[in-house]
Amino acid sequence: MKSIGNGSPEQCAYNLLRISRGEVPYERLKGLSTATIDAPAAMATTDVEADAEWVVETYEPRVDVNSINLSASDISGGDFSIAADITVRKDEELE
């Protein structure tokens, strides 16, 4: 994402974590992979957290990712949430 004109860095990181890979035309890598949907829980958790970190670091240069946590709100239903701990970079660090 561009460093200006797209809203706050926090909002952009949030939006990136809600996109499925392949959903954005001409940017098919942007978003989280859906390949781990039917994977075992332990492997899926690790893969999704690593994938989420890569997506935010790649497409939102205004933030640093401190941690990504995946938690299941309803394991039997497959519902989960992603919490990202990010730090917004200062302008000097972007140059």
PDB file of N, CA and C in Angstrom:
ATOM      1  N   MET A   1       0.836  -1.174   0.000  1.00  0.00           N
ATOM      2  CA  MET A   1       0.000   0.000   0.000  1.00  0.00           C
ATOM      3  C   MET A   1       0.883   1.240   0.000  1.00  0.00           C
ATOM      4  N   LYS A   2       0.359   2.302  -0.533  1.00  0.00           N
ATOM      5  CA  LYS A   2       1.105   3.551  -0.573  1.00  0.00           C
ATOM      6  C   LYS A   2       1.205   4.147   0.821  1.00  0.00           C
ATOM      7  N   SER A   3       2.231   4.950   1.036  1.00  0.00           N
ATOM      8  CA  SER A   3       2.428   5.537   2.359  1.00  0.00           C
ATOM      9  C   SER A   3       1.484   6.705   2.631  1.00  0.00           C
ATOM     10  N   ILE A   4       0.837   7.225   1.606  1.00  0.00           N
ATOM     11  CA  ILE A   4      -0.134   8.302   1.815  1.00  0.00           C
ATOM     12  C   ILE A   4      -1.399   8.002   1.019  1.00  0.00           C
ATOM     13  N   GLY A   5      -2.504   8.533   1.472  1.00  0.00           N
ATOM     14  CA  GLY A   5      -3.749   8.429   0.737  1.00  0.00           C
ATOM     15  C   GLY A   5      -4.541   7.148   0.964  1.00  0.00           C
ATOM     16  N   ASN A   6      -4.135   6.315   1.892  1.00  0.00           N
ATOM     17  CA  ASN A   6      -4.846   5.056   2.115  1.00  0.00           C
ATOM     18  C   ASN A   6      -5.422   4.940   3.511  1.00  0.00           C
ATOM     19  N   GLY A   7      -5.382   5.977   4.290  1.00  0.00           N
ATOM     20  CA  GLY A   7      -5.886   5.878   5.646  1.00  0.00           C
ATOM     21  C   GLY A   7      -4.771   5.578   6.633  1.00  0.00           C
ATOM     22  N   SER A   8      -5.160   5.292   7.839  1.00  0.00           N
ATOM     23  CA  SER A   8      -4.171   5.056   8.893  1.00  0.00           C
ATOM     24  C   SER A   8      -3.477   3.712   8.692  1.00  0.00           C
ATOM     25  N   PRO A   9      -2.232   3.587   9.139  1.00  0.00           N
ATOM     26  CA  PRO A   9      -1.510   2.318   9.014  1.00  0.00           C
ATOM     27  C   PRO A   9      -2.221   1.172   9.725  1.00  0.00           C
ATOM     28  N   GLU A  10      -2.823   1.471  10.874  1.00  0.00           N
ATOM     29  CA  GLU A  10      -3.529   0.437  11.625  1.00  0.00           C
ATOM     30  C   GLU A  10      -4.710  -0.108  10.825  1.00  0.00           C
ATOM     31  N   GLN A  11      -5.458   0.797  10.182  1.00  0.00           N
ATOM     32  CA  GLN A  11      -6.605   0.384   9.379  1.00  0.00           C
ATOM     33  C   GLN A  11      -6.163  -0.432   8.173  1.00  0.00           C
ATOM     34  N   CYS A  12      -5.071  -0.039   7.558  1.00  0.00           N
ATOM     35  CA  CYS A  12      -4.569  -0.774   6.396  1.00  0.00           C
ATOM     36  C   CYS A  12      -4.119  -2.180   6.796  1.00  0.00           C
ATOM     37  N   ALA A  13      -3.442  -2.309   7.937  1.00  0.00           N
ATOM     38  CA  ALA A  13      -3.031  -3.629   8.421  1.00  0.00           C
ATOM     39  C   ALA A  13      -4.253  -4.482   8.722  1.00  0.00           C
ATOM     40  N   TYR A  14      -5.255  -3.893   9.329  1.00  0.00           N
ATOM     41  CA  TYR A  14      -6.509  -4.597   9.620  1.00  0.00           C
ATOM     42  C   TYR A  14      -7.157  -5.096   8.327  1.00  0.00           C
ATOM     43  N   ASN A  15      -7.216  -4.233   7.324  1.00  0.00           N
ATOM     44  CA  ASN A  15      -7.813  -4.610   6.049  1.00  0.00           C
ATOM     45  C   ASN A  15      -7.043  -5.746   5.392  1.00  0.00           C
ATOM     46  N   LEU A  16      -5.722  -5.702   5.452  1.00  0.00           N
ATOM     47  CA  LEU A  16      -4.904  -6.757   4.856  1.00  0.00           C
ATOM     48  C   LEU A  16      -5.185  -8.114   5.483  1.00  0.00           C
ATOM     49  N   LEU A  17      -5.445  -8.131   6.782  1.00  0.00           N
ATOM     50  CA  LEU A  17      -5.692  -9.393   7.472  1.00  0.00           C
ATOM     51  C   LEU A  17      -7.094  -9.937   7.221  1.00  0.00           C
ATOM     52  N   ARG A  18      -7.927  -9.186   6.539  1.00  0.00           N
ATOM     53  CA  ARG A  18      -9.285  -9.640   6.235  1.00  0.00           C
ATOM     54  C   ARG A  18      -9.451 -10.043   4.770  1.00  0.00           C
ATOM     55  N   ILE A  19      -8.387  -9.967   3.999  1.00  0.00           N
ATOM     56  CA  ILE A  19      -8.434 -10.309   2.575  1.00  0.00           C
ATOM     57  C   ILE A  19      -7.961 -11.754   2.394  1.00  0.00           C
ATOM     58  N   SER A  20      -8.665 -12.504   1.566  1.00  0.00           N
ATOM     59  CA  SER A  20      -8.222 -13.851   1.197  1.00  0.00           C
ATOM     60  C   SER A  20      -7.337 -13.757  -0.040  1.00  0.00           C
ATOM     61  N   ARG A  21      -6.282 -14.551  -0.064  1.00  0.00           N
ATOM     62  CA  ARG A  21      -5.372 -14.548  -1.212  1.00  0.00           C
ATOM     63  C   ARG A  21      -6.146 -14.899  -2.478  1.00  0.00           C
ATOM     64  N   GLY A  22      -5.888 -14.136  -3.543  1.00  0.00           N
ATOM     65  CA  GLY A  22      -6.568 -14.336  -4.811  1.00  0.00           C
ATOM     66  C   GLY A  22      -7.778 -13.441  -4.991  1.00  0.00           C
ATOM     67  N   GLU A  23      -8.141 -12.714  -3.960  1.00  0.00           N
ATOM     68  CA  GLU A  23      -9.332 -11.872  -3.983  1.00  0.00           C
ATOM     69  C   GLU A  23      -9.094 -10.529  -4.676  1.00  0.00           C
ATOM     70  N   VAL A  24      -7.846 -10.068  -4.719  1.00  0.00           N
ATOM     71  CA  VAL A  24      -7.525  -8.752  -5.272  1.00  0.00           C
ATOM     72  C   VAL A  24      -6.980  -8.909  -6.694  1.00  0.00           C
ATOM     73  N   PRO A  25      -7.700  -8.395  -7.698  1.00  0.00           N
ATOM     74  CA  PRO A  25      -7.207  -8.499  -9.074  1.00  0.00           C
ATOM     75  C   PRO A  25      -5.854  -7.801  -9.238  1.00  0.00           C
ATOM     76  N   TYR A  26      -4.976  -8.393 -10.007  1.00  0.00           N
ATOM     77  CA  TYR A  26      -3.634  -7.884 -10.297  1.00  0.00           C
ATOM     78  C   TYR A  26      -2.705  -7.913  -9.092  1.00  0.00           C
ATOM     79  N   GLU A  27      -3.157  -8.367  -7.961  1.00  0.00           N
ATOM     80  CA  GLU A  27      -2.342  -8.535  -6.742  1.00  0.00           C
ATOM     81  C   GLU A  27      -2.756  -9.844  -6.096  1.00  0.00           C
ATOM     82  N   ARG A  28      -2.622 -10.943  -6.797  1.00  0.00           N
ATOM     83  CA  ARG A  28      -3.132 -12.234  -6.347  1.00  0.00           C
ATOM     84  C   ARG A  28      -2.450 -12.761  -5.097  1.00  0.00           C
ATOM     85  N   LEU A  29      -1.271 -12.254  -4.729  1.00  0.00           N
ATOM     86  CA  LEU A  29      -0.597 -12.698  -3.504  1.00  0.00           C
ATOM     87  C   LEU A  29      -1.035 -11.934  -2.271  1.00  0.00           C
ATOM     88  N   LYS A  30      -1.700 -10.808  -2.472  1.00  0.00           N
ATOM     89  CA  LYS A  30      -2.134  -9.992  -1.333  1.00  0.00           C
ATOM     90  C   LYS A  30      -3.252 -10.713  -0.591  1.00  0.00           C
ATOM     91  N   GLY A  31      -3.117 -10.839   0.712  1.00  0.00           N
ATOM     92  CA  GLY A  31      -4.141 -11.489   1.526  1.00  0.00           C
ATOM     93  C   GLY A  31      -3.632 -12.791   2.118  1.00  0.00           C
ATOM     94  N   LEU A  32      -4.454 -13.379   2.968  1.00  0.00           N
ATOM     95  CA  LEU A  32      -4.092 -14.620   3.654  1.00  0.00           C
ATOM     96  C   LEU A  32      -4.433 -15.832   2.799  1.00  0.00           C
ATOM     97  N   SER A  33      -3.575 -16.829   2.833  1.00  0.00           N
ATOM     98  CA  SER A  33      -3.782 -18.057   2.087  1.00  0.00           C
ATOM     99  C   SER A  33      -4.931 -18.858   2.687  1.00  0.00           C
ATOM    100  N   THR A  34      -5.719 -19.454   1.833  1.00  0.00           N
ATOM    101  CA  THR A  34      -6.814 -20.318   2.287  1.00  0.00           C
ATOM    102  C   THR A  34      -6.414 -21.791   2.227  1.00  0.00           C
ATOM    103  N   ALA A  35      -5.160 -22.085   1.912  1.00  0.00           N
ATOM    104  CA  ALA A  35      -4.694 -23.462   1.764  1.00  0.00           C
ATOM    105  C   ALA A  35      -4.711 -24.235   3.080  1.00  0.00           C
ATOM    106  N   THR A  36      -4.662 -23.558   4.197  1.00  0.00           N
ATOM    107  CA  THR A  36      -4.588 -24.238   5.492  1.00  0.00           C
ATOM    108  C   THR A  36      -5.957 -24.456   6.143  1.00  0.00           C
ATOM    109  N   ILE A  37      -7.015 -24.213   5.420  1.00  0.00           N
ATOM    110  CA  ILE A  37      -8.354 -24.328   6.010  1.00  0.00           C
ATOM    111  C   ILE A  37      -8.620 -25.728   6.555  1.00  0.00           C
ATOM    112  N   ASP A  38      -8.253 -26.765   5.807  1.00  0.00           N
ATOM    113  CA  ASP A  38      -8.515 -28.132   6.245  1.00  0.00           C
ATOM    114  C   ASP A  38      -7.302 -28.803   6.870  1.00  0.00           C
ATOM    115  N   ALA A  39      -6.270 -28.052   7.185  1.00  0.00           N
ATOM    116  CA  ALA A  39      -5.065 -28.610   7.793  1.00  0.00           C
ATOM    117  C   ALA A  39      -5.290 -28.856   9.279  1.00  0.00           C
ATOM    118  N   PRO A  40      -4.479 -29.728   9.893  1.00  0.00           N
ATOM    119  CA  PRO A  40      -4.571 -29.908  11.349  1.00  0.00           C
ATOM    120  C   PRO A  40      -4.362 -28.582  12.069  1.00  0.00           C
ATOM    121  N   ALA A  41      -5.004 -28.421  13.197  1.00  0.00           N
ATOM    122  CA  ALA A  41      -5.022 -27.145  13.911  1.00  0.00           C
ATOM    123  C   ALA A  41      -3.632 -26.620  14.243  1.00  0.00           C
ATOM    124  N   ALA A  42      -2.730 -27.483  14.728  1.00  0.00           N
ATOM    125  CA  ALA A  42      -1.401 -27.014  15.112  1.00  0.00           C
ATOM    126  C   ALA A  42      -0.632 -26.482  13.914  1.00  0.00           C
ATOM    127  N   MET A  43      -0.702 -27.173  12.790  1.00  0.00           N
ATOM    128  CA  MET A  43       0.002 -26.729  11.590  1.00  0.00           C
ATOM    129  C   MET A  43      -0.656 -25.476  11.015  1.00  0.00           C
ATOM    130  N   ALA A  44      -1.976 -25.442  11.003  1.00  0.00           N
ATOM    131  CA  ALA A  44      -2.691 -24.295  10.453  1.00  0.00           C
ATOM    132  C   ALA A  44      -2.392 -23.031  11.238  1.00  0.00           C
ATOM    133  N   THR A  45      -2.325 -23.138  12.561  1.00  0.00           N
ATOM    134  CA  THR A  45      -2.039 -21.973  13.398  1.00  0.00           C
ATOM    135  C   THR A  45      -0.691 -21.370  13.057  1.00  0.00           C
ATOM    136  N   THR A  46       0.332 -22.204  12.979  1.00  0.00           N
ATOM    137  CA  THR A  46       1.681 -21.731  12.664  1.00  0.00           C
ATOM    138  C   THR A  46       1.730 -21.115  11.277  1.00  0.00           C
ATOM    139  N   ASP A  47       1.113 -21.784  10.304  1.00  0.00           N
ATOM    140  CA  ASP A  47       1.134 -21.295   8.931  1.00  0.00           C
ATOM    141  C   ASP A  47       0.388 -19.980   8.773  1.00  0.00           C
ATOM    142  N   VAL A  48      -0.767 -19.862   9.396  1.00  0.00           N
ATOM    143  CA  VAL A  48      -1.562 -18.635   9.284  1.00  0.00           C
ATOM    144  C   VAL A  48      -0.845 -17.471   9.951  1.00  0.00           C
ATOM    145  N   GLU A  49      -0.251 -17.692  11.109  1.00  0.00           N
ATOM    146  CA  GLU A  49       0.476 -16.619  11.795  1.00  0.00           C
ATOM    147  C   GLU A  49       1.660 -16.144  10.962  1.00  0.00           C
ATOM    148  N   ALA A  50       2.409 -17.066  10.378  1.00  0.00           N
ATOM    149  CA  ALA A  50       3.555 -16.691   9.535  1.00  0.00           C
ATOM    150  C   ALA A  50       3.079 -15.979   8.270  1.00  0.00           C
ATOM    151  N   ASP A  51       2.010 -16.467   7.681  1.00  0.00           N
ATOM    152  CA  ASP A  51       1.462 -15.858   6.481  1.00  0.00           C
ATOM    153  C   ASP A  51       0.946 -14.450   6.768  1.00  0.00           C
ATOM    154  N   ALA A  52       0.261 -14.274   7.880  1.00  0.00           N
ATOM    155  CA  ALA A  52      -0.262 -12.958   8.252  1.00  0.00           C
ATOM    156  C   ALA A  52       0.871 -11.961   8.476  1.00  0.00           C
ATOM    157  N   GLU A  53       1.924 -12.412   9.134  1.00  0.00           N
ATOM    158  CA  GLU A  53       3.073 -11.533   9.355  1.00  0.00           C
ATOM    159  C   GLU A  53       3.697 -11.123   8.025  1.00  0.00           C
ATOM    160  N   TRP A  54       3.857 -12.070   7.108  1.00  0.00           N
ATOM    161  CA  TRP A  54       4.433 -11.766   5.796  1.00  0.00           C
ATOM    162  C   TRP A  54       3.573 -10.757   5.037  1.00  0.00           C
ATOM    163  N   VAL A  55       2.262 -10.943   5.047  1.00  0.00           N
ATOM    164  CA  VAL A  55       1.358 -10.056   4.312  1.00  0.00           C
ATOM    165  C   VAL A  55       1.454  -8.626   4.835  1.00  0.00           C
ATOM    166  N   VAL A  56       1.412  -8.463   6.144  1.00  0.00           N
ATOM    167  CA  VAL A  56       1.464  -7.114   6.718  1.00  0.00           C
ATOM    168  C   VAL A  56       2.830  -6.476   6.460  1.00  0.00           C
ATOM    169  N   GLU A  57       3.909  -7.219   6.659  1.00  0.00           N
ATOM    170  CA  GLU A  57       5.244  -6.657   6.431  1.00  0.00           C
ATOM    171  C   GLU A  57       5.474  -6.309   4.962  1.00  0.00           C
ATOM    172  N   THR A  58       4.911  -7.078   4.058  1.00  0.00           N
ATOM    173  CA  THR A  58       5.114  -6.857   2.627  1.00  0.00           C
ATOM    174  C   THR A  58       4.290  -5.690   2.098  1.00  0.00           C
ATOM    175  N   TYR A  59       3.035  -5.606   2.496  1.00  0.00           N
ATOM    176  CA  TYR A  59       2.122  -4.636   1.892  1.00  0.00           C
ATOM    177  C   TYR A  59       1.854  -3.399   2.733  1.00  0.00           C
ATOM    178  N   GLU A  60       2.353  -3.341   3.946  1.00  0.00           N
ATOM    179  CA  GLU A  60       2.176  -2.148   4.775  1.00  0.00           C
ATOM    180  C   GLU A  60       3.515  -1.763   5.402  1.00  0.00           C
ATOM    181  N   PRO A  61       4.322  -0.974   4.676  1.00  0.00           N
ATOM    182  CA  PRO A  61       5.658  -0.616   5.157  1.00  0.00           C
ATOM    183  C   PRO A  61       5.659   0.379   6.319  1.00  0.00           C
ATOM    184  N   ARG A  62       4.512   0.926   6.661  1.00  0.00           N
ATOM    185  CA  ARG A  62       4.469   1.916   7.740  1.00  0.00           C
ATOM    186  C   ARG A  62       4.387   1.298   9.119  1.00  0.00           C
ATOM    187  N   VAL A  63       4.315  -0.038   9.205  1.00  0.00           N
ATOM    188  CA  VAL A  63       4.212  -0.691  10.509  1.00  0.00           C
ATOM    189  C   VAL A  63       5.271  -1.776  10.662  1.00  0.00           C
ATOM    190  N   ASP A  64       5.606  -2.056  11.910  1.00  0.00           N
ATOM    191  CA  ASP A  64       6.432  -3.202  12.278  1.00  0.00           C
ATOM    192  C   ASP A  64       5.536  -4.185  13.006  1.00  0.00           C
ATOM    193  N   VAL A  65       5.637  -5.457  12.657  1.00  0.00           N
ATOM    194  CA  VAL A  65       4.832  -6.483  13.304  1.00  0.00           C
ATOM    195  C   VAL A  65       5.590  -7.017  14.510  1.00  0.00           C
ATOM    196  N   ASN A  66       5.009  -6.876  15.690  1.00  0.00           N
ATOM    197  CA  ASN A  66       5.610  -7.406  16.908  1.00  0.00           C
ATOM    198  C   ASN A  66       5.204  -8.860  17.120  1.00  0.00           C
ATOM    199  N   SER A  67       3.927  -9.158  16.913  1.00  0.00           N
ATOM    200  CA  SER A  67       3.448 -10.535  17.041  1.00  0.00           C
ATOM    201  C   SER A  67       2.101 -10.681  16.350  1.00  0.00           C
ATOM    202  N   ILE A  68       1.802 -11.915  15.966  1.00  0.00           N
ATOM    203  CA  ILE A  68       0.514 -12.283  15.391  1.00  0.00           C
ATOM    204  C   ILE A  68       0.001 -13.456  16.207  1.00  0.00           C
ATOM    205  N   ASN A  69      -1.232 -13.389  16.661  1.00  0.00           N
ATOM    206  CA  ASN A  69      -1.824 -14.474  17.437  1.00  0.00           C
ATOM    207  C   ASN A  69      -3.138 -14.900  16.802  1.00  0.00           C
ATOM    208  N   LEU A  70      -3.265 -16.191  16.613  1.00  0.00           N
ATOM    209  CA  LEU A  70      -4.479 -16.778  16.074  1.00  0.00           C
ATOM    210  C   LEU A  70      -5.203 -17.481  17.202  1.00  0.00           C
ATOM    211  N   SER A  71      -6.470 -17.156  17.404  1.00  0.00           N
ATOM    212  CA  SER A  71      -7.229 -17.826  18.459  1.00  0.00           C
ATOM    213  C   SER A  71      -8.550 -18.320  17.891  1.00  0.00           C
ATOM    214  N   ALA A  72      -8.954 -19.503  18.337  1.00  0.00           N
ATOM    215  CA  ALA A  72     -10.197 -20.109  17.873  1.00  0.00           C
ATOM    216  C   ALA A  72     -11.322 -19.716  18.818  1.00  0.00           C
ATOM    217  N   SER A  73     -12.342 -19.075  18.277  1.00  0.00           N
ATOM    218  CA  SER A  73     -13.493 -18.708  19.102  1.00  0.00           C
ATOM    219  C   SER A  73     -14.523 -19.841  19.134  1.00  0.00           C
ATOM    220  N   ASP A  74     -14.571 -20.625  18.062  1.00  0.00           N
ATOM    221  CA  ASP A  74     -15.455 -21.792  18.011  1.00  0.00           C
ATOM    222  C   ASP A  74     -14.742 -22.875  17.207  1.00  0.00           C
ATOM    223  N   ILE A  75     -14.036 -23.763  17.901  1.00  0.00           N
ATOM    224  CA  ILE A  75     -13.213 -24.766  17.232  1.00  0.00           C
ATOM    225  C   ILE A  75     -14.058 -25.674  16.348  1.00  0.00           C
ATOM    226  N   SER A  76     -15.199 -26.131  16.842  1.00  0.00           N
ATOM    227  CA  SER A  76     -16.020 -27.057  16.056  1.00  0.00           C
ATOM    228  C   SER A  76     -16.607 -26.381  14.813  1.00  0.00           C
ATOM    229  N   GLY A  77     -16.839 -25.080  14.891  1.00  0.00           N
ATOM    230  CA  GLY A  77     -17.393 -24.353  13.756  1.00  0.00           C
ATOM    231  C   GLY A  77     -16.340 -23.771  12.836  1.00  0.00           C
ATOM    232  N   GLY A  78     -15.076 -23.819  13.258  1.00  0.00           N
ATOM    233  CA  GLY A  78     -13.996 -23.299  12.436  1.00  0.00           C
ATOM    234  C   GLY A  78     -13.823 -21.794  12.504  1.00  0.00           C
ATOM    235  N   ASP A  79     -14.443 -21.151  13.478  1.00  0.00           N
ATOM    236  CA  ASP A  79     -14.293 -19.698  13.621  1.00  0.00           C
ATOM    237  C   ASP A  79     -13.001 -19.370  14.350  1.00  0.00           C
ATOM    238  N   PHE A  80     -12.281 -18.387  13.840  1.00  0.00           N
ATOM    239  CA  PHE A  80     -11.049 -17.956  14.482  1.00  0.00           C
ATOM    240  C   PHE A  80     -10.883 -16.456  14.298  1.00  0.00           C
ATOM    241  N   SER A  81      -9.999 -15.890  15.082  1.00  0.00           N
ATOM    242  CA  SER A  81      -9.693 -14.472  14.944  1.00  0.00           C
ATOM    243  C   SER A  81      -8.182 -14.291  14.962  1.00  0.00           C
ATOM    244  N   ILE A  82      -7.738 -13.248  14.305  1.00  0.00           N
ATOM    245  CA  ILE A  82      -6.316 -12.926  14.234  1.00  0.00           C
ATOM    246  C   ILE A  82      -6.103 -11.602  14.944  1.00  0.00           C
ATOM    247  N   ALA A  83      -5.171 -11.602  15.893  1.00  0.00           N
ATOM    248  CA  ALA A  83      -4.806 -10.372  16.600  1.00  0.00           C
ATOM    249  C   ALA A  83      -3.369 -10.033  16.238  1.00  0.00           C
ATOM    250  N   ALA A  84      -3.165  -8.841  15.751  1.00  0.00           N
ATOM    251  CA  ALA A  84      -1.827  -8.407  15.361  1.00  0.00           C
ATOM    252  C   ALA A  84      -1.375  -7.287  16.283  1.00  0.00           C
ATOM    253  N   ASP A  85      -0.215  -7.469  16.873  1.00  0.00           N
ATOM    254  CA  ASP A  85       0.405  -6.418  17.678  1.00  0.00           C
ATOM    255  C   ASP A  85       1.396  -5.711  16.768  1.00  0.00           C
ATOM    256  N   ILE A  86       1.077  -4.468  16.392  1.00  0.00           N
ATOM    257  CA  ILE A  86       1.928  -3.724  15.464  1.00  0.00           C
ATOM    258  C   ILE A  86       2.365  -2.407  16.085  1.00  0.00           C
ATOM    259  N   THR A  87       3.458  -1.890  15.572  1.00  0.00           N
ATOM    260  CA  THR A  87       3.968  -0.587  15.967  1.00  0.00           C
ATOM    261  C   THR A  87       4.087   0.264  14.709  1.00  0.00           C
ATOM    262  N   VAL A  88       3.506   1.456  14.733  1.00  0.00           N
ATOM    263  CA  VAL A  88       3.582   2.353  13.593  1.00  0.00           C
ATOM    264  C   VAL A  88       4.978   2.973  13.568  1.00  0.00           C
ATOM    265  N   ARG A  89       5.621   2.905  12.411  1.00  0.00           N
ATOM    266  CA  ARG A  89       6.952   3.478  12.262  1.00  0.00           C
ATOM    267  C   ARG A  89       6.897   4.996  12.209  1.00  0.00           C
ATOM    268  N   LYS A  90       7.953   5.614  12.631  1.00  0.00           N
ATOM    269  CA  LYS A  90       8.074   7.064  12.520  1.00  0.00           C
ATOM    270  C   LYS A  90       8.482   7.396  11.085  1.00  0.00           C
ATOM    271  N   ASP A  91       8.214   8.614  10.635  1.00  0.00           N
ATOM    272  CA  ASP A  91       8.505   9.025   9.260  1.00  0.00           C
ATOM    273  C   ASP A  91       9.971   8.850   8.894  1.00  0.00           C
ATOM    274  N   GLU A  92      10.879   9.073   9.835  1.00  0.00           N
ATOM    275  CA  GLU A  92      12.301   8.991   9.543  1.00  0.00           C
ATOM    276  C   GLU A  92      12.706   7.564   9.185  1.00  0.00           C
ATOM    277  N   GLU A  93      12.039   6.570   9.743  1.00  0.00           N
ATOM    278  CA  GLU A  93      12.408   5.186   9.494  1.00  0.00           C
ATOM    279  C   GLU A  93      11.997   4.719   8.115  1.00  0.00           C
ATOM    280  N   LEU A  94      11.076   5.406   7.462  1.00  0.00           N
ATOM    281  CA  LEU A  94      10.607   5.006   6.143  1.00  0.00           C
ATOM    282  C   LEU A  94      11.541   5.453   5.029  1.00  0.00           C
ATOM    283  N   GLU A  95      12.351   6.425   5.279  1.00  0.00           N
ATOM    284  CA  GLU A  95      13.212   6.976   4.219  1.00  0.00           C
ATOM    285  C   GLU A  95      14.461   6.163   4.019  1.00  0.00           C
TER     286      GLU A  95
END
